[in-house]
Amino acid sequence: MADVAVNDQAVDAITFLVVLFLGEGASRKVAAKYNPVTLPDESVGDGIDRR
Protein backbone atom coordinates (compact mmCIF):
# COMPACT_ATOMS: atom_id res chain seq x y z
CA MET A 1 0.00 0.00 0.00
CA ALA A 2 2.93 2.36 0.64
CA ASP A 3 4.11 1.94 -2.97
CA VAL A 4 0.78 3.27 -4.24
CA ALA A 5 1.05 6.38 -2.04
CA VAL A 6 4.58 7.09 -3.28
CA ASN A 7 3.51 6.61 -6.90
CA ASP A 8 0.57 8.98 -6.41
CA GLN A 9 2.88 11.61 -4.95
CA ALA A 10 5.31 11.21 -7.83
CA VAL A 11 2.54 11.54 -10.41
CA ASP A 12 1.16 14.60 -8.60
CA ALA A 13 4.61 16.23 -8.52
CA ILE A 14 5.23 15.57 -12.22
CA THR A 15 1.77 16.85 -13.13
CA PHE A 16 2.37 20.01 -11.08
CA LEU A 17 5.67 20.68 -12.87
CA VAL A 18 4.15 20.14 -16.31
CA VAL A 19 1.23 22.46 -15.57
CA LEU A 20 3.59 25.05 -14.11
CA PHE A 21 5.81 24.92 -17.21
CA LEU A 22 2.91 25.14 -19.66
CA GLY A 23 1.26 27.91 -17.68
CA GLU A 24 4.47 29.95 -17.74
CA GLY A 25 4.67 29.80 -21.52
CA ALA A 26 1.01 30.66 -21.96
CA SER A 27 1.33 33.57 -19.55
CA ARG A 28 4.26 35.01 -21.51
CA LYS A 29 2.39 34.73 -24.81
CA VAL A 30 -0.68 36.49 -23.45
CA ALA A 31 1.40 39.20 -21.78
CA ALA A 32 3.33 39.84 -24.99
CA LYS A 33 0.11 40.08 -27.00
CA TYR A 34 -1.70 42.52 -24.70
CA ASN A 35 1.30 44.47 -23.37
CA PRO A 36 3.53 45.25 -26.35
CA VAL A 37 6.89 46.82 -25.67
CA THR A 38 6.85 50.54 -26.34
CA LEU A 39 9.88 52.74 -26.85
CA PRO A 40 10.23 56.02 -24.98
CA ASP A 41 9.67 59.12 -27.13
CA GLU A 42 13.33 60.14 -26.85
CA SER A 43 14.59 56.93 -28.46
CA VAL A 44 12.19 56.89 -31.41
CA GLY A 45 13.70 59.83 -33.33
CA ASP A 46 12.30 61.62 -36.33
CA GLY A 47 13.45 59.18 -39.00
CA ILE A 48 16.38 61.29 -40.22
CA ASP A 49 19.70 59.46 -40.31
CA ARG A 50 22.30 61.79 -38.74
CA ARG A 51 25.57 59.84 -38.95
C-alpha atoms as a PDB file:
ATOM      1  CA  MET A   1       0.000   0.000   0.000  1.00  0.00           C
ATOM      2  CA  ALA A   2       2.932   2.364   0.637  1.00  0.00           C
ATOM      3  CA  ASP A   3       4.111   1.939  -2.966  1.00  0.00           C
ATOM      4  CA  VAL A   4       0.782   3.272  -4.243  1.00  0.00           C
ATOM      5  CA  ALA A   5       1.054   6.381  -2.043  1.00  0.00           C
ATOM      6  CA  VAL A   6       4.584   7.086  -3.276  1.00  0.00           C
ATOM      7  CA  ASN A   7       3.514   6.610  -6.896  1.00  0.00           C
ATOM      8  CA  ASP A   8       0.572   8.981  -6.415  1.00  0.00           C
ATOM      9  CA  GLN A   9       2.876  11.610  -4.948  1.00  0.00           C
ATOM     10  CA  ALA A  10       5.312  11.211  -7.832  1.00  0.00           C
ATOM     11  CA  VAL A  11       2.541  11.542 -10.409  1.00  0.00           C
ATOM     12  CA  ASP A  12       1.163  14.601  -8.600  1.00  0.00           C
ATOM     13  CA  ALA A  13       4.611  16.232  -8.525  1.00  0.00           C
ATOM     14  CA  ILE A  14       5.231  15.574 -12.222  1.00  0.00           C
ATOM     15  CA  THR A  15       1.766  16.852 -13.126  1.00  0.00           C
ATOM     16  CA  PHE A  16       2.366  20.011 -11.085  1.00  0.00           C
ATOM     17  CA  LEU A  17       5.668  20.684 -12.869  1.00  0.00           C
ATOM     18  CA  VAL A  18       4.149  20.140 -16.314  1.00  0.00           C
ATOM     19  CA  VAL A  19       1.227  22.459 -15.567  1.00  0.00           C
ATOM     20  CA  LEU A  20       3.589  25.049 -14.112  1.00  0.00           C
ATOM     21  CA  PHE A  21       5.808  24.916 -17.208  1.00  0.00           C
ATOM     22  CA  LEU A  22       2.906  25.144 -19.664  1.00  0.00           C
ATOM     23  CA  GLY A  23       1.258  27.914 -17.681  1.00  0.00           C
ATOM     24  CA  GLU A  24       4.473  29.954 -17.736  1.00  0.00           C
ATOM     25  CA  GLY A  25       4.668  29.796 -21.520  1.00  0.00           C
ATOM     26  CA  ALA A  26       1.011  30.663 -21.965  1.00  0.00           C
ATOM     27  CA  SER A  27       1.332  33.566 -19.554  1.00  0.00           C
ATOM     28  CA  ARG A  28       4.264  35.006 -21.506  1.00  0.00           C
ATOM     29  CA  LYS A  29       2.391  34.731 -24.810  1.00  0.00           C
ATOM     30  CA  VAL A  30      -0.684  36.490 -23.447  1.00  0.00           C
ATOM     31  CA  ALA A  31       1.397  39.198 -21.777  1.00  0.00           C
ATOM     32  CA  ALA A  32       3.325  39.836 -24.994  1.00  0.00           C
ATOM     33  CA  LYS A  33       0.112  40.083 -26.997  1.00  0.00           C
ATOM     34  CA  TYR A  34      -1.697  42.516 -24.704  1.00  0.00           C
ATOM     35  CA  ASN A  35       1.301  44.474 -23.373  1.00  0.00           C
ATOM     36  CA  PRO A  36       3.526  45.248 -26.348  1.00  0.00           C
ATOM     37  CA  VAL A  37       6.888  46.825 -25.667  1.00  0.00           C
ATOM     38  CA  THR A  38       6.848  50.544 -26.344  1.00  0.00           C
ATOM     39  CA  LEU A  39       9.881  52.739 -26.850  1.00  0.00           C
ATOM     40  CA  PRO A  40      10.230  56.024 -24.984  1.00  0.00           C
ATOM     41  CA  ASP A  41       9.666  59.121 -27.127  1.00  0.00           C
ATOM     42  CA  GLU A  42      13.333  60.142 -26.850  1.00  0.00           C
ATOM     43  CA  SER A  43      14.591  56.931 -28.460  1.00  0.00           C
ATOM     44  CA  VAL A  44      12.191  56.889 -31.412  1.00  0.00           C
ATOM     45  CA  GLY A  45      13.702  59.834 -33.331  1.00  0.00           C
ATOM     46  CA  ASP A  46      12.298  61.623 -36.326  1.00  0.00           C
ATOM     47  CA  GLY A  47      13.453  59.183 -39.003  1.00  0.00           C
ATOM     48  CA  ILE A  48      16.381  61.291 -40.216  1.00  0.00           C
ATOM     49  CA  ASP A  49      19.698  59.458 -40.312  1.00  0.00           C
ATOM     50  CA  ARG A  50      22.304  61.793 -38.739  1.00  0.00           C
ATOM     51  CA  ARG A  51      25.575  59.837 -38.953  1.00  0.00           C
END
